Amino acid sequence: MRQLRCIITFALLASLCLPFTGCGPTMGRPFPVALVKKIEIGKTTKEDIRKQFGQPWRTGLEDGRRTWTYGQYSMKVTRDLVVRFNDQDIVVSYSFSSSLPEDENL
């Protein structure tokens, strides 16, 4: 019984420390950040985006426009790319955000 109590205590302490180790939960998936600068408003198509970045991590609507989101979210890295399309599947706008200083110079 004492051994079981020690195992449970250790497991609880380990789970409380996990977020501070950098190994915490992650969401989304990495995407090729260097290709963001190749997106051209009014020219790049939905198929172009799919070829460059793969399937979006999340899809939705914003102000009635179809949106695709590519995101990488963890304790160390936060990056997201939101691409908005018109009814002809052409990019009308996009936004890119990152917590990494090296991503500033895209």
PDB file of N, CA and C in Angstrom:
ATOM      1  N   MET A   1       0.820  -1.200   0.000  1.00  0.00           N
ATOM      2  CA  MET A   1       0.000   0.000   0.000  1.00  0.00           C
ATOM      3  C   MET A   1       0.861   1.259   0.000  1.00  0.00           C
ATOM      4  N   ARG A   2       1.915   1.255   0.793  1.00  0.00           N
ATOM      5  CA  ARG A   2       2.804   2.409   0.861  1.00  0.00           C
ATOM      6  C   ARG A   2       3.480   2.645  -0.498  1.00  0.00           C
ATOM      7  N   GLN A   3       3.854   1.556  -1.160  1.00  0.00           N
ATOM      8  CA  GLN A   3       4.513   1.661  -2.466  1.00  0.00           C
ATOM      9  C   GLN A   3       3.556   2.281  -3.493  1.00  0.00           C
ATOM     10  N   LEU A   4       2.312   1.883  -3.478  1.00  0.00           N
ATOM     11  CA  LEU A   4       1.317   2.432  -4.392  1.00  0.00           C
ATOM     12  C   LEU A   4       1.120   3.919  -4.143  1.00  0.00           C
ATOM     13  N   ARG A   5       1.090   4.324  -2.879  1.00  0.00           N
ATOM     14  CA  ARG A   5       0.936   5.738  -2.531  1.00  0.00           C
ATOM     15  C   ARG A   5       2.131   6.554  -3.051  1.00  0.00           C
ATOM     16  N   CYS A   6       3.336   5.992  -2.958  1.00  0.00           N
ATOM     17  CA  CYS A   6       4.530   6.679  -3.470  1.00  0.00           C
ATOM     18  C   CYS A   6       4.469   6.829  -4.991  1.00  0.00           C
ATOM     19  N   ILE A   7       4.010   5.801  -5.671  1.00  0.00           N
ATOM     20  CA  ILE A   7       3.894   5.853  -7.137  1.00  0.00           C
ATOM     21  C   ILE A   7       2.881   6.914  -7.548  1.00  0.00           C
ATOM     22  N   ILE A   8       1.751   6.954  -6.877  1.00  0.00           N
ATOM     23  CA  ILE A   8       0.717   7.942  -7.190  1.00  0.00           C
ATOM     24  C   ILE A   8       1.225   9.359  -6.917  1.00  0.00           C
ATOM     25  N   THR A   9       1.895   9.553  -5.803  1.00  0.00           N
ATOM     26  CA  THR A   9       2.452  10.872  -5.474  1.00  0.00           C
ATOM     27  C   THR A   9       3.468  11.307  -6.516  1.00  0.00           C
ATOM     28  N   PHE A  10       4.350  10.406  -6.916  1.00  0.00           N
ATOM     29  CA  PHE A  10       5.349  10.720  -7.930  1.00  0.00           C
ATOM     30  C   PHE A  10       4.680  11.088  -9.253  1.00  0.00           C
ATOM     31  N   ALA A  11       3.674  10.333  -9.658  1.00  0.00           N
ATOM     32  CA  ALA A  11       2.969  10.602 -10.910  1.00  0.00           C
ATOM     33  C   ALA A  11       2.297  11.975 -10.877  1.00  0.00           C
ATOM     34  N   LEU A  12       1.696  12.332  -9.760  1.00  0.00           N
ATOM     35  CA  LEU A  12       1.050  13.640  -9.634  1.00  0.00           C
ATOM     36  C   LEU A  12       2.075  14.769  -9.698  1.00  0.00           C
ATOM     37  N   LEU A  13       3.197  14.613  -9.014  1.00  0.00           N
ATOM     38  CA  LEU A  13       4.238  15.637  -9.051  1.00  0.00           C
ATOM     39  C   LEU A  13       4.822  15.784 -10.451  1.00  0.00           C
ATOM     40  N   ALA A  14       5.038  14.684 -11.128  1.00  0.00           N
ATOM     41  CA  ALA A  14       5.581  14.723 -12.489  1.00  0.00           C
ATOM     42  C   ALA A  14       4.610  15.436 -13.428  1.00  0.00           C
ATOM     43  N   SER A  15       3.321  15.175 -13.295  1.00  0.00           N
ATOM     44  CA  SER A  15       2.344  15.820 -14.178  1.00  0.00           C
ATOM     45  C   SER A  15       2.242  17.312 -13.906  1.00  0.00           C
ATOM     46  N   LEU A  16       2.483  17.738 -12.662  1.00  0.00           N
ATOM     47  CA  LEU A  16       2.460  19.157 -12.344  1.00  0.00           C
ATOM     48  C   LEU A  16       3.680  19.879 -12.910  1.00  0.00           C
ATOM     49  N   CYS A  17       4.793  19.192 -13.039  1.00  0.00           N
ATOM     50  CA  CYS A  17       6.024  19.796 -13.547  1.00  0.00           C
ATOM     51  C   CYS A  17       6.095  19.782 -15.072  1.00  0.00           C
ATOM     52  N   LEU A  18       5.330  18.965 -15.741  1.00  0.00           N
ATOM     53  CA  LEU A  18       5.412  18.803 -17.186  1.00  0.00           C
ATOM     54  C   LEU A  18       5.297  20.101 -17.974  1.00  0.00           C
ATOM     55  N   PRO A  19       4.364  21.003 -17.642  1.00  0.00           N
ATOM     56  CA  PRO A  19       4.260  22.232 -18.432  1.00  0.00           C
ATOM     57  C   PRO A  19       5.515  23.106 -18.392  1.00  0.00           C
ATOM     58  N   PHE A  20       6.342  22.953 -17.393  1.00  0.00           N
ATOM     59  CA  PHE A  20       7.532  23.783 -17.261  1.00  0.00           C
ATOM     60  C   PHE A  20       8.766  23.181 -17.916  1.00  0.00           C
ATOM     61  N   THR A  21       8.632  22.016 -18.513  1.00  0.00           N
ATOM     62  CA  THR A  21       9.779  21.364 -19.128  1.00  0.00           C
ATOM     63  C   THR A  21       9.887  21.653 -20.616  1.00  0.00           C
ATOM     64  N   GLY A  22       8.893  22.324 -21.195  1.00  0.00           N
ATOM     65  CA  GLY A  22       8.919  22.565 -22.635  1.00  0.00           C
ATOM     66  C   GLY A  22       8.337  21.397 -23.412  1.00  0.00           C
ATOM     67  N   CYS A  23       7.921  20.370 -22.715  1.00  0.00           N
ATOM     68  CA  CYS A  23       7.359  19.185 -23.362  1.00  0.00           C
ATOM     69  C   CYS A  23       5.855  19.153 -23.208  1.00  0.00           C
ATOM     70  N   GLY A  24       5.272  20.288 -22.941  1.00  0.00           N
ATOM     71  CA  GLY A  24       3.838  20.342 -22.726  1.00  0.00           C
ATOM     72  C   GLY A  24       3.075  20.035 -23.990  1.00  0.00           C
ATOM     73  N   PRO A  25       1.775  20.159 -23.919  1.00  0.00           N
ATOM     74  CA  PRO A  25       0.942  19.818 -25.070  1.00  0.00           C
ATOM     75  C   PRO A  25       1.198  20.731 -26.260  1.00  0.00           C
ATOM     76  N   THR A  26       1.057  20.183 -27.439  1.00  0.00           N
ATOM     77  CA  THR A  26       1.184  20.957 -28.671  1.00  0.00           C
ATOM     78  C   THR A  26      -0.101  20.814 -29.462  1.00  0.00           C
ATOM     79  N   MET A  27      -0.370  21.828 -30.272  1.00  0.00           N
ATOM     80  CA  MET A  27      -1.536  21.788 -31.146  1.00  0.00           C
ATOM     81  C   MET A  27      -1.096  22.224 -32.528  1.00  0.00           C
ATOM     82  N   GLY A  28      -1.852  21.826 -33.520  1.00  0.00           N
ATOM     83  CA  GLY A  28      -1.508  22.162 -34.887  1.00  0.00           C
ATOM     84  C   GLY A  28      -0.345  21.315 -35.362  1.00  0.00           C
ATOM     85  N   ARG A  29       0.370  21.824 -36.352  1.00  0.00           N
ATOM     86  CA  ARG A  29       1.541  21.120 -36.870  1.00  0.00           C
ATOM     87  C   ARG A  29       2.435  22.121 -37.594  1.00  0.00           C
ATOM     88  N   PRO A  30       3.729  21.839 -37.661  1.00  0.00           N
ATOM     89  CA  PRO A  30       4.638  22.746 -38.361  1.00  0.00           C
ATOM     90  C   PRO A  30       4.243  22.912 -39.828  1.00  0.00           C
ATOM     91  N   PHE A  31       4.549  24.078 -40.380  1.00  0.00           N
ATOM     92  CA  PHE A  31       4.299  24.336 -41.794  1.00  0.00           C
ATOM     93  C   PHE A  31       5.493  25.135 -42.341  1.00  0.00           C
ATOM     94  N   PRO A  32       5.701  25.143 -43.665  1.00  0.00           N
ATOM     95  CA  PRO A  32       6.868  25.803 -44.253  1.00  0.00           C
ATOM     96  C   PRO A  32       6.752  27.333 -44.227  1.00  0.00           C
ATOM     97  N   VAL A  33       7.227  27.933 -43.164  1.00  0.00           N
ATOM     98  CA  VAL A  33       7.118  29.372 -42.937  1.00  0.00           C
ATOM     99  C   VAL A  33       7.750  30.174 -44.078  1.00  0.00           C
ATOM    100  N   ALA A  34       8.839  29.699 -44.630  1.00  0.00           N
ATOM    101  CA  ALA A  34       9.540  30.432 -45.697  1.00  0.00           C
ATOM    102  C   ALA A  34       8.655  30.658 -46.931  1.00  0.00           C
ATOM    103  N   LEU A  35       7.625  29.833 -47.105  1.00  0.00           N
ATOM    104  CA  LEU A  35       6.759  29.969 -48.278  1.00  0.00           C
ATOM    105  C   LEU A  35       5.679  31.043 -48.116  1.00  0.00           C
ATOM    106  N   VAL A  36       5.524  31.571 -46.903  1.00  0.00           N
ATOM    107  CA  VAL A  36       4.493  32.595 -46.675  1.00  0.00           C
ATOM    108  C   VAL A  36       4.717  33.783 -47.600  1.00  0.00           C
ATOM    109  N   LYS A  37       5.971  34.183 -47.811  1.00  0.00           N
ATOM    110  CA  LYS A  37       6.247  35.358 -48.647  1.00  0.00           C
ATOM    111  C   LYS A  37       5.901  35.145 -50.115  1.00  0.00           C
ATOM    112  N   LYS A  38       5.604  33.916 -50.511  1.00  0.00           N
ATOM    113  CA  LYS A  38       5.233  33.636 -51.908  1.00  0.00           C
ATOM    114  C   LYS A  38       3.738  33.793 -52.169  1.00  0.00           C
ATOM    115  N   ILE A  39       2.952  33.994 -51.119  1.00  0.00           N
ATOM    116  CA  ILE A  39       1.511  34.177 -51.292  1.00  0.00           C
ATOM    117  C   ILE A  39       1.258  35.543 -51.912  1.00  0.00           C
ATOM    118  N   GLU A  40       0.487  35.575 -53.010  1.00  0.00           N
ATOM    119  CA  GLU A  40       0.154  36.829 -53.688  1.00  0.00           C
ATOM    120  C   GLU A  40      -1.360  37.043 -53.652  1.00  0.00           C
ATOM    121  N   ILE A  41      -1.751  38.134 -53.016  1.00  0.00           N
ATOM    122  CA  ILE A  41      -3.172  38.476 -52.939  1.00  0.00           C
ATOM    123  C   ILE A  41      -3.699  38.727 -54.350  1.00  0.00           C
ATOM    124  N   GLY A  42      -4.855  38.136 -54.652  1.00  0.00           N
ATOM    125  CA  GLY A  42      -5.471  38.293 -55.959  1.00  0.00           C
ATOM    126  C   GLY A  42      -4.925  37.349 -57.022  1.00  0.00           C
ATOM    127  N   LYS A  43      -3.920  36.558 -56.687  1.00  0.00           N
ATOM    128  CA  LYS A  43      -3.323  35.664 -57.675  1.00  0.00           C
ATOM    129  C   LYS A  43      -3.214  34.212 -57.186  1.00  0.00           C
ATOM    130  N   THR A  44      -2.735  34.024 -55.964  1.00  0.00           N
ATOM    131  CA  THR A  44      -2.546  32.670 -55.427  1.00  0.00           C
ATOM    132  C   THR A  44      -3.908  31.998 -55.227  1.00  0.00           C
ATOM    133  N   THR A  45      -4.012  30.752 -55.650  1.00  0.00           N
ATOM    134  CA  THR A  45      -5.274  30.009 -55.542  1.00  0.00           C
ATOM    135  C   THR A  45      -5.269  29.082 -54.326  1.00  0.00           C
ATOM    136  N   LYS A  46      -6.447  28.588 -54.020  1.00  0.00           N
ATOM    137  CA  LYS A  46      -6.586  27.629 -52.933  1.00  0.00           C
ATOM    138  C   LYS A  46      -5.738  26.386 -53.212  1.00  0.00           C
ATOM    139  N   GLU A  47      -5.700  25.950 -54.465  1.00  0.00           N
ATOM    140  CA  GLU A  47      -4.895  24.783 -54.832  1.00  0.00           C
ATOM    141  C   GLU A  47      -3.402  25.073 -54.662  1.00  0.00           C
ATOM    142  N   ASP A  48      -2.966  26.298 -54.984  1.00  0.00           N
ATOM    143  CA  ASP A  48      -1.569  26.691 -54.755  1.00  0.00           C
ATOM    144  C   ASP A  48      -1.220  26.584 -53.267  1.00  0.00           C
ATOM    145  N   ILE A  49      -2.116  27.086 -52.439  1.00  0.00           N
ATOM    146  CA  ILE A  49      -1.890  27.035 -50.984  1.00  0.00           C
ATOM    147  C   ILE A  49      -1.802  25.593 -50.518  1.00  0.00           C
ATOM    148  N   ARG A  50      -2.699  24.746 -51.010  1.00  0.00           N
ATOM    149  CA  ARG A  50      -2.687  23.332 -50.624  1.00  0.00           C
ATOM    150  C   ARG A  50      -1.360  22.675 -51.040  1.00  0.00           C
ATOM    151  N   LYS A  51      -0.867  22.993 -52.230  1.00  0.00           N
ATOM    152  CA  LYS A  51       0.400  22.413 -52.695  1.00  0.00           C
ATOM    153  C   LYS A  51       1.580  22.884 -51.853  1.00  0.00           C
ATOM    154  N   GLN A  52       1.568  24.149 -51.448  1.00  0.00           N
ATOM    155  CA  GLN A  52       2.684  24.706 -50.685  1.00  0.00           C
ATOM    156  C   GLN A  52       2.659  24.318 -49.213  1.00  0.00           C
ATOM    157  N   PHE A  53       1.465  24.290 -48.621  1.00  0.00           N
ATOM    158  CA  PHE A  53       1.361  24.115 -47.171  1.00  0.00           C
ATOM    159  C   PHE A  53       0.673  22.826 -46.738  1.00  0.00           C
ATOM    160  N   GLY A  54       0.072  22.101 -47.679  1.00  0.00           N
ATOM    161  CA  GLY A  54      -0.645  20.883 -47.315  1.00  0.00           C
ATOM    162  C   GLY A  54      -2.054  21.189 -46.854  1.00  0.00           C
ATOM    163  N   GLN A  55      -2.674  20.207 -46.251  1.00  0.00           N
ATOM    164  CA  GLN A  55      -4.034  20.389 -45.736  1.00  0.00           C
ATOM    165  C   GLN A  55      -4.006  21.355 -44.561  1.00  0.00           C
ATOM    166  N   PRO A  56      -4.972  22.262 -44.474  1.00  0.00           N
ATOM    167  CA  PRO A  56      -5.001  23.184 -43.339  1.00  0.00           C
ATOM    168  C   PRO A  56      -5.276  22.449 -42.035  1.00  0.00           C
ATOM    169  N   TRP A  57      -4.771  23.015 -40.960  1.00  0.00           N
ATOM    170  CA  TRP A  57      -5.002  22.446 -39.631  1.00  0.00           C
ATOM    171  C   TRP A  57      -6.436  22.717 -39.195  1.00  0.00           C
ATOM    172  N   ARG A  58      -6.975  23.857 -39.648  1.00  0.00           N
ATOM    173  CA  ARG A  58      -8.323  24.252 -39.255  1.00  0.00           C
ATOM    174  C   ARG A  58      -8.936  25.046 -40.402  1.00  0.00           C
ATOM    175  N   THR A  59     -10.223  24.902 -40.616  1.00  0.00           N
ATOM    176  CA  THR A  59     -10.931  25.671 -41.633  1.00  0.00           C
ATOM    177  C   THR A  59     -12.099  26.396 -40.984  1.00  0.00           C
ATOM    178  N   GLY A  60     -12.569  27.459 -41.633  1.00  0.00           N
ATOM    179  CA  GLY A  60     -13.696  28.183 -41.069  1.00  0.00           C
ATOM    180  C   GLY A  60     -14.163  29.291 -41.974  1.00  0.00           C
ATOM    181  N   LEU A  61     -14.938  30.199 -41.395  1.00  0.00           N
ATOM    182  CA  LEU A  61     -15.457  31.364 -42.091  1.00  0.00           C
ATOM    183  C   LEU A  61     -15.116  32.609 -41.287  1.00  0.00           C
ATOM    184  N   GLU A  62     -14.758  33.672 -42.004  1.00  0.00           N
ATOM    185  CA  GLU A  62     -14.523  34.973 -41.378  1.00  0.00           C
ATOM    186  C   GLU A  62     -15.155  36.015 -42.270  1.00  0.00           C
ATOM    187  N   ASP A  63     -16.110  36.739 -41.743  1.00  0.00           N
ATOM    188  CA  ASP A  63     -16.846  37.728 -42.535  1.00  0.00           C
ATOM    189  C   ASP A  63     -17.398  37.116 -43.817  1.00  0.00           C
ATOM    190  N   GLY A  64     -17.846  35.875 -43.755  1.00  0.00           N
ATOM    191  CA  GLY A  64     -18.432  35.194 -44.897  1.00  0.00           C
ATOM    192  C   GLY A  64     -17.435  34.599 -45.870  1.00  0.00           C
ATOM    193  N   ARG A  65     -16.156  34.757 -45.607  1.00  0.00           N
ATOM    194  CA  ARG A  65     -15.111  34.219 -46.494  1.00  0.00           C
ATOM    195  C   ARG A  65     -14.532  32.938 -45.905  1.00  0.00           C
ATOM    196  N   ARG A  66     -14.277  31.989 -46.784  1.00  0.00           N
ATOM    197  CA  ARG A  66     -13.647  30.728 -46.385  1.00  0.00           C
ATOM    198  C   ARG A  66     -12.240  31.020 -45.874  1.00  0.00           C
ATOM    199  N   THR A  67     -11.857  30.439 -44.743  1.00  0.00           N
ATOM    200  CA  THR A  67     -10.508  30.622 -44.201  1.00  0.00           C
ATOM    201  C   THR A  67      -9.843  29.272 -43.959  1.00  0.00           C
ATOM    202  N   TRP A  68      -8.568  29.253 -44.175  1.00  0.00           N
ATOM    203  CA  TRP A  68      -7.736  28.097 -43.842  1.00  0.00           C
ATOM    204  C   TRP A  68      -6.679  28.573 -42.864  1.00  0.00           C
ATOM    205  N   THR A  69      -6.480  27.800 -41.816  1.00  0.00           N
ATOM    206  CA  THR A  69      -5.479  28.147 -40.814  1.00  0.00           C
ATOM    207  C   THR A  69      -4.432  27.049 -40.733  1.00  0.00           C
ATOM    208  N   TYR A  70      -3.188  27.487 -40.766  1.00  0.00           N
ATOM    209  CA  TYR A  70      -2.040  26.617 -40.530  1.00  0.00           C
ATOM    210  C   TYR A  70      -1.436  27.100 -39.227  1.00  0.00           C
ATOM    211  N   GLY A  71      -1.254  26.212 -38.273  1.00  0.00           N
ATOM    212  CA  GLY A  71      -0.768  26.658 -36.977  1.00  0.00           C
ATOM    213  C   GLY A  71       0.155  25.666 -36.317  1.00  0.00           C
ATOM    214  N   GLN A  72       1.060  26.216 -35.547  1.00  0.00           N
ATOM    215  CA  GLN A  72       1.985  25.440 -34.727  1.00  0.00           C
ATOM    216  C   GLN A  72       2.000  26.121 -33.371  1.00  0.00           C
ATOM    217  N   TYR A  73       1.483  25.440 -32.355  1.00  0.00           N
ATOM    218  CA  TYR A  73       1.335  26.044 -31.045  1.00  0.00           C
ATOM    219  C   TYR A  73       1.908  25.114 -29.978  1.00  0.00           C
ATOM    220  N   SER A  74       2.916  25.577 -29.283  1.00  0.00           N
ATOM    221  CA  SER A  74       3.501  24.807 -28.185  1.00  0.00           C
ATOM    222  C   SER A  74       4.005  25.793 -27.144  1.00  0.00           C
ATOM    223  N   MET A  75       4.657  25.282 -26.113  1.00  0.00           N
ATOM    224  CA  MET A  75       5.208  26.147 -25.069  1.00  0.00           C
ATOM    225  C   MET A  75       6.336  27.012 -25.622  1.00  0.00           C
ATOM    226  N   LYS A  76       7.050  26.538 -26.647  1.00  0.00           N
ATOM    227  CA  LYS A  76       8.208  27.256 -27.169  1.00  0.00           C
ATOM    228  C   LYS A  76       7.923  28.031 -28.453  1.00  0.00           C
ATOM    229  N   VAL A  77       6.981  27.568 -29.249  1.00  0.00           N
ATOM    230  CA  VAL A  77       6.738  28.158 -30.566  1.00  0.00           C
ATOM    231  C   VAL A  77       5.250  28.400 -30.768  1.00  0.00           C
ATOM    232  N   THR A  78       4.937  29.594 -31.239  1.00  0.00           N
ATOM    233  CA  THR A  78       3.571  29.890 -31.657  1.00  0.00           C
ATOM    234  C   THR A  78       3.658  30.543 -33.025  1.00  0.00           C
ATOM    235  N   ARG A  79       3.082  29.874 -34.009  1.00  0.00           N
ATOM    236  CA  ARG A  79       3.035  30.414 -35.373  1.00  0.00           C
ATOM    237  C   ARG A  79       1.652  30.140 -35.935  1.00  0.00           C
ATOM    238  N   ASP A  80       1.097  31.114 -36.631  1.00  0.00           N
ATOM    239  CA  ASP A  80      -0.130  30.807 -37.351  1.00  0.00           C
ATOM    240  C   ASP A  80      -0.233  31.638 -38.619  1.00  0.00           C
ATOM    241  N   LEU A  81      -0.812  30.987 -39.601  1.00  0.00           N
ATOM    242  CA  LEU A  81      -1.069  31.573 -40.909  1.00  0.00           C
ATOM    243  C   LEU A  81      -2.549  31.382 -41.179  1.00  0.00           C
ATOM    244  N   VAL A  82      -3.256  32.484 -41.397  1.00  0.00           N
ATOM    245  CA  VAL A  82      -4.674  32.434 -41.744  1.00  0.00           C
ATOM    246  C   VAL A  82      -4.815  32.989 -43.151  1.00  0.00           C
ATOM    247  N   VAL A  83      -5.369  32.179 -44.044  1.00  0.00           N
ATOM    248  CA  VAL A  83      -5.532  32.563 -45.449  1.00  0.00           C
ATOM    249  C   VAL A  83      -7.029  32.679 -45.725  1.00  0.00           C
ATOM    250  N   ARG A  84      -7.433  33.790 -46.351  1.00  0.00           N
ATOM    251  CA  ARG A  84      -8.844  34.034 -46.669  1.00  0.00           C
ATOM    252  C   ARG A  84      -9.033  34.006 -48.185  1.00  0.00           C
ATOM    253  N   PHE A  85     -10.097  33.325 -48.621  1.00  0.00           N
ATOM    254  CA  PHE A  85     -10.356  33.131 -50.054  1.00  0.00           C
ATOM    255  C   PHE A  85     -11.673  33.775 -50.455  1.00  0.00           C
ATOM    256  N   ASN A  86     -11.759  34.192 -51.722  1.00  0.00           N
ATOM    257  CA  ASN A  86     -13.030  34.668 -52.260  1.00  0.00           C
ATOM    258  C   ASN A  86     -13.809  33.482 -52.842  1.00  0.00           C
ATOM    259  N   ASP A  87     -14.941  33.770 -53.482  1.00  0.00           N
ATOM    260  CA  ASP A  87     -15.786  32.705 -54.032  1.00  0.00           C
ATOM    261  C   ASP A  87     -15.139  31.964 -55.205  1.00  0.00           C
ATOM    262  N   GLN A  88     -14.103  32.556 -55.791  1.00  0.00           N
ATOM    263  CA  GLN A  88     -13.389  31.905 -56.897  1.00  0.00           C
ATOM    264  C   GLN A  88     -12.139  31.158 -56.400  1.00  0.00           C
ATOM    265  N   ASP A  89     -12.032  30.991 -55.082  1.00  0.00           N
ATOM    266  CA  ASP A  89     -10.894  30.294 -54.449  1.00  0.00           C
ATOM    267  C   ASP A  89      -9.553  30.982 -54.702  1.00  0.00           C
ATOM    268  N   ILE A  90      -9.579  32.309 -54.737  1.00  0.00           N
ATOM    269  CA  ILE A  90      -8.370  33.126 -54.873  1.00  0.00           C
ATOM    270  C   ILE A  90      -8.124  33.809 -53.522  1.00  0.00           C
ATOM    271  N   VAL A  91      -6.850  33.911 -53.124  1.00  0.00           N
ATOM    272  CA  VAL A  91      -6.507  34.555 -51.856  1.00  0.00           C
ATOM    273  C   VAL A  91      -6.872  36.039 -51.914  1.00  0.00           C
ATOM    274  N   VAL A  92      -7.661  36.493 -50.934  1.00  0.00           N
ATOM    275  CA  VAL A  92      -8.001  37.916 -50.838  1.00  0.00           C
ATOM    276  C   VAL A  92      -7.223  38.601 -49.711  1.00  0.00           C
ATOM    277  N   SER A  93      -6.762  37.820 -48.739  1.00  0.00           N
ATOM    278  CA  SER A  93      -5.917  38.354 -47.679  1.00  0.00           C
ATOM    279  C   SER A  93      -5.350  37.187 -46.880  1.00  0.00           C
ATOM    280  N   TYR A  94      -4.319  37.502 -46.123  1.00  0.00           N
ATOM    281  CA  TYR A  94      -3.753  36.500 -45.216  1.00  0.00           C
ATOM    282  C   TYR A  94      -3.052  37.229 -44.082  1.00  0.00           C
ATOM    283  N   SER A  95      -2.868  36.527 -42.977  1.00  0.00           N
ATOM    284  CA  SER A  95      -2.103  37.078 -41.865  1.00  0.00           C
ATOM    285  C   SER A  95      -1.184  35.993 -41.336  1.00  0.00           C
ATOM    286  N   PHE A  96       0.012  36.394 -40.938  1.00  0.00           N
ATOM    287  CA  PHE A  96       0.989  35.485 -40.369  1.00  0.00           C
ATOM    288  C   PHE A  96       1.474  36.085 -39.056  1.00  0.00           C
ATOM    289  N   SER A  97       1.498  35.269 -38.006  1.00  0.00           N
ATOM    290  CA  SER A  97       1.984  35.702 -36.699  1.00  0.00           C
ATOM    291  C   SER A  97       2.930  34.647 -36.154  1.00  0.00           C
ATOM    292  N   SER A  98       3.935  35.110 -35.400  1.00  0.00           N
ATOM    293  CA  SER A  98       4.915  34.189 -34.844  1.00  0.00           C
ATOM    294  C   SER A  98       5.481  34.741 -33.542  1.00  0.00           C
ATOM    295  N   SER A  99       5.845  33.855 -32.653  1.00  0.00           N
ATOM    296  CA  SER A  99       6.513  34.255 -31.419  1.00  0.00           C
ATOM    297  C   SER A  99       8.030  34.235 -31.580  1.00  0.00           C
ATOM    298  N   LEU A 100       8.526  33.823 -32.748  1.00  0.00           N
ATOM    299  CA  LEU A 100       9.962  33.699 -32.970  1.00  0.00           C
ATOM    300  C   LEU A 100      10.509  34.936 -33.690  1.00  0.00           C
ATOM    301  N   PRO A 101      11.549  35.559 -33.139  1.00  0.00           N
ATOM    302  CA  PRO A 101      12.124  36.750 -33.772  1.00  0.00           C
ATOM    303  C   PRO A 101      12.641  36.497 -35.183  1.00  0.00           C
ATOM    304  N   GLU A 102      13.152  35.307 -35.455  1.00  0.00           N
ATOM    305  CA  GLU A 102      13.693  35.030 -36.780  1.00  0.00           C
ATOM    306  C   GLU A 102      12.626  35.011 -37.858  1.00  0.00           C
ATOM    307  N   ASP A 103      11.356  34.917 -37.483  1.00  0.00           N
ATOM    308  CA  ASP A 103      10.272  34.924 -38.458  1.00  0.00           C
ATOM    309  C   ASP A 103       9.867  36.341 -38.874  1.00  0.00           C
ATOM    310  N   GLU A 104      10.425  37.361 -38.231  1.00  0.00           N
ATOM    311  CA  GLU A 104      10.067  38.745 -38.540  1.00  0.00           C
ATOM    312  C   GLU A 104      10.457  39.166 -39.941  1.00  0.00           C
ATOM    313  N   ASN A 105      11.500  38.581 -40.489  1.00  0.00           N
ATOM    314  CA  ASN A 105      12.053  39.028 -41.758  1.00  0.00           C
ATOM    315  C   ASN A 105      11.527  38.259 -42.956  1.00  0.00           C
ATOM    316  N   LEU A 106      10.290  37.866 -42.932  1.00  0.00           N
ATOM    317  CA  LEU A 106       9.727  37.137 -44.079  1.00  0.00           C
ATOM    318  C   LEU A 106       9.536  38.070 -45.247  1.00  0.00           C
TER     319      LEU A 106
END
